Amino acid sequence: MRKRTEILTLYLKSKMKKLLLLIAILFVGLTAKAQVSQDGYFSIKDNFIIWTKIYETNPDLESMKKNLLLEFTSDNEGIIKKARPATLTKRPLNEIIGNFRIDQKEGRYKVEVSNIRIIPTYTVSLYGISSTESDDPLEASSLNKRNEFTDFFLNHVAKPYDNLFSTFFDPKNKNEDW
């Protein structure tokens, strides 16, 4: 009888170790997915890529409205016209367009850029290479099948787009005449 209890105890300890290992693997897997779903100021919300940044100052809407690449459709919303980010790699990035929204609170504001679309320079069809004015959502080339950022987006696209959006909305990046 004593031998059976020792065997049962060893068996239960073995099962507990496996259970704890499984819980640890699940926990690491879930936290890794949460880290992948956001890179810097980019995040994935409802399978769409959103750029969000909070500034700890009052917005300078007058200088933003003077930017020819921003078209305000209301006091706090608008459209980013065709803009090309400065590339940080040998591969140039396409022009993009998108929508933006500026929300204000006491002494700070939040900018959210959504509906980011890429304007391809050329398309290939049965008739050859042609220029196009159609656009593709950023998600098509920047998210994998599991709706996580691709390595190419994280390593080559995120930083130039972040710099571009920051030049539009960051009060430190004003173009001053001198």
Protein backbone atom coordinates (compact mmCIF):
# COMPACT_ATOMS: atom_id res chain seq x y z
CA MET A 1 0.00 0.00 0.00
CA ARG A 2 2.83 2.36 0.85
CA LYS A 3 4.47 1.73 -2.52
CA ARG A 4 1.23 2.60 -4.32
CA THR A 5 0.97 5.95 -2.53
CA GLU A 6 4.60 6.77 -3.40
CA ILE A 7 3.96 5.91 -7.04
CA LEU A 8 0.75 7.98 -7.02
CA THR A 9 2.60 10.90 -5.41
CA LEU A 10 5.36 10.75 -8.05
CA TYR A 11 2.75 10.54 -10.80
CA LEU A 12 0.88 13.61 -9.47
CA LYS A 13 4.13 15.60 -9.10
CA SER A 14 4.96 14.79 -12.71
CA LYS A 15 1.52 15.95 -13.87
CA MET A 16 1.80 19.16 -11.81
CA LYS A 17 5.18 19.96 -13.39
CA LYS A 18 3.69 19.49 -16.85
CA LEU A 19 0.70 21.64 -15.95
CA LEU A 20 2.92 24.43 -14.61
CA LEU A 21 5.09 24.24 -17.73
CA LEU A 22 1.98 24.48 -19.93
CA ILE A 23 0.72 27.51 -17.98
CA ALA A 24 4.12 29.20 -18.28
CA ILE A 25 4.24 28.58 -22.05
CA LEU A 26 0.72 29.99 -22.48
CA PHE A 27 1.56 33.05 -20.40
CA VAL A 28 4.72 33.77 -22.40
CA GLY A 29 2.85 33.22 -25.66
CA LEU A 30 0.08 35.65 -24.71
CA THR A 31 2.47 38.35 -23.52
CA ALA A 32 4.60 37.95 -26.65
CA LYS A 33 1.51 38.48 -28.84
CA ALA A 34 0.58 41.61 -26.88
CA GLN A 35 4.07 43.00 -27.45
CA VAL A 36 3.93 42.31 -31.18
CA SER A 37 0.58 44.07 -31.60
CA GLN A 38 2.19 47.44 -30.87
CA ASP A 39 5.43 48.92 -32.09
CA GLY A 40 6.29 52.41 -30.92
CA TYR A 41 3.33 54.57 -31.81
CA PHE A 42 1.76 52.02 -34.15
CA SER A 43 -0.84 49.60 -32.87
CA ILE A 44 -3.39 47.20 -34.31
CA LYS A 45 -7.01 47.91 -33.43
CA ASP A 46 -9.72 45.77 -35.00
CA ASN A 47 -7.25 44.54 -37.66
CA PHE A 48 -6.36 48.11 -38.70
CA ILE A 49 -3.02 49.86 -38.18
CA ILE A 50 -3.35 53.05 -36.15
CA TRP A 51 -0.63 55.60 -35.33
CA THR A 52 -1.28 57.34 -31.99
CA LYS A 53 0.91 59.85 -30.21
CA ILE A 54 0.24 62.03 -27.16
CA TYR A 55 1.95 65.42 -26.81
CA GLU A 56 2.30 67.12 -23.44
CA THR A 57 1.58 70.63 -24.71
CA ASN A 58 -1.19 72.58 -26.36
CA PRO A 59 -1.55 71.96 -30.11
CA ASP A 60 -0.50 74.64 -32.58
CA LEU A 61 -3.46 74.18 -34.90
CA GLU A 62 -2.68 77.34 -36.87
CA SER A 63 0.71 76.06 -38.04
CA MET A 64 -0.79 72.61 -38.71
CA LYS A 65 -3.46 74.22 -40.89
CA LYS A 66 -0.71 75.96 -42.90
CA ASN A 67 0.83 72.58 -43.79
CA LEU A 68 -0.12 71.91 -47.41
CA LEU A 69 -0.08 68.14 -46.86
CA LEU A 70 -2.81 68.35 -44.20
CA GLU A 71 -6.39 69.17 -45.14
CA PHE A 72 -8.67 69.89 -42.18
CA THR A 73 -12.28 68.79 -42.75
CA SER A 74 -13.37 70.04 -39.30
CA ASP A 75 -11.72 71.71 -36.32
CA ASN A 76 -9.98 68.51 -35.20
CA GLU A 77 -10.16 66.05 -38.11
CA GLY A 78 -8.73 65.89 -41.57
CA ILE A 79 -6.91 64.11 -44.34
CA ILE A 80 -3.21 63.59 -44.94
CA LYS A 81 -2.61 64.23 -48.62
CA LYS A 82 -0.01 62.31 -50.62
CA ALA A 83 3.19 62.33 -48.60
CA ARG A 84 6.40 60.33 -48.96
CA PRO A 85 8.44 59.52 -45.85
CA ALA A 86 12.19 59.98 -45.88
CA THR A 87 13.56 56.48 -46.30
CA LEU A 88 16.07 55.08 -43.85
CA THR A 89 17.03 52.18 -46.12
CA LYS A 90 18.02 51.71 -49.75
CA ARG A 91 14.47 50.76 -50.66
CA PRO A 92 12.27 53.85 -51.17
CA LEU A 93 8.82 53.87 -49.63
CA ASN A 94 5.67 54.74 -51.54
CA GLU A 95 3.56 57.80 -50.95
CA ILE A 96 0.78 57.42 -48.40
CA ILE A 97 -2.52 59.06 -47.54
CA GLY A 98 -4.68 58.75 -44.44
CA ASN A 99 -7.09 60.34 -41.99
CA PHE A 100 -6.19 62.07 -38.75
CA ARG A 101 -7.98 63.20 -35.61
CA ILE A 102 -6.70 65.53 -32.89
CA ASP A 103 -8.24 65.29 -29.40
CA GLN A 104 -7.40 67.91 -26.76
CA LYS A 105 -7.39 67.88 -22.97
CA GLU A 106 -5.93 70.34 -20.50
CA GLY A 107 -2.42 71.16 -21.68
CA ARG A 108 -2.01 68.17 -23.99
CA TYR A 109 -3.34 66.60 -27.16
CA LYS A 110 -3.52 63.22 -28.85
CA VAL A 111 -3.16 62.62 -32.58
CA GLU A 112 -4.51 59.46 -34.17
CA VAL A 113 -3.81 58.61 -37.81
CA SER A 114 -5.98 55.87 -39.30
CA ASN A 115 -7.05 54.53 -42.68
CA ILE A 116 -3.43 54.71 -43.85
CA ARG A 117 -3.19 53.76 -47.50
CA ILE A 118 -0.21 53.29 -49.81
CA ILE A 119 -0.19 54.86 -53.26
CA PRO A 120 1.70 52.44 -55.51
CA THR A 121 3.91 54.08 -58.10
CA TYR A 122 3.39 51.46 -60.77
CA THR A 123 1.20 48.45 -61.35
CA VAL A 124 1.80 45.46 -63.56
CA SER A 125 -1.05 44.30 -65.78
CA LEU A 126 -1.47 42.19 -68.90
CA TYR A 127 -0.79 45.29 -70.95
CA GLY A 128 2.52 46.15 -69.27
CA ILE A 129 3.61 48.51 -66.51
CA SER A 130 1.44 51.54 -65.93
CA SER A 131 1.07 54.28 -63.37
CA THR A 132 -1.95 54.18 -61.12
CA GLU A 133 -3.92 56.37 -58.79
CA SER A 134 -5.49 53.53 -56.79
CA ASP A 135 -4.42 52.91 -53.22
CA ASP A 136 -3.87 49.87 -51.04
CA PRO A 137 -4.44 49.67 -47.28
CA LEU A 138 -1.24 49.60 -45.25
CA GLU A 139 -2.48 46.46 -43.51
CA ALA A 140 -2.22 44.40 -46.73
CA SER A 141 1.57 44.69 -46.83
CA SER A 142 2.33 45.19 -43.14
CA LEU A 143 0.35 42.52 -41.30
CA ASN A 144 0.79 38.76 -41.53
CA LYS A 145 -2.03 36.19 -41.54
CA ARG A 146 -2.24 36.32 -37.73
CA ASN A 147 -2.76 40.12 -37.88
CA GLU A 148 0.66 40.86 -36.39
CA PHE A 149 3.22 43.30 -37.77
CA THR A 150 5.56 41.79 -40.35
CA ASP A 151 9.30 42.00 -39.78
CA PHE A 152 9.61 44.27 -42.82
CA PHE A 153 7.15 46.74 -41.28
CA LEU A 154 8.92 46.70 -37.92
CA ASN A 155 12.43 46.98 -39.40
CA HIS A 156 11.93 49.27 -42.42
CA VAL A 157 8.53 51.00 -42.49
CA ALA A 158 7.49 51.93 -38.95
CA LYS A 159 10.28 54.41 -38.21
CA PRO A 160 10.03 56.45 -41.46
CA TYR A 161 6.23 56.68 -41.14
CA ASP A 162 6.54 57.65 -37.48
CA ASN A 163 9.00 60.40 -38.44
CA LEU A 164 6.67 61.62 -41.20
CA PHE A 165 3.62 61.80 -38.95
CA SER A 166 5.66 63.48 -36.21
CA THR A 167 6.74 66.24 -38.62
CA PHE A 168 3.06 67.02 -39.24
CA PHE A 169 1.87 67.14 -35.65
CA ASP A 170 4.87 67.64 -33.32
CA PRO A 171 5.28 71.25 -32.17
CA LYS A 172 9.07 70.79 -32.04
CA ASN A 173 9.18 70.09 -35.80
CA LYS A 174 7.82 73.46 -36.94
CA ASN A 175 9.29 74.96 -40.09
CA GLU A 176 10.21 78.46 -39.08
CA ASP A 177 11.19 81.08 -41.62
CA TRP A 178 14.58 82.66 -40.91
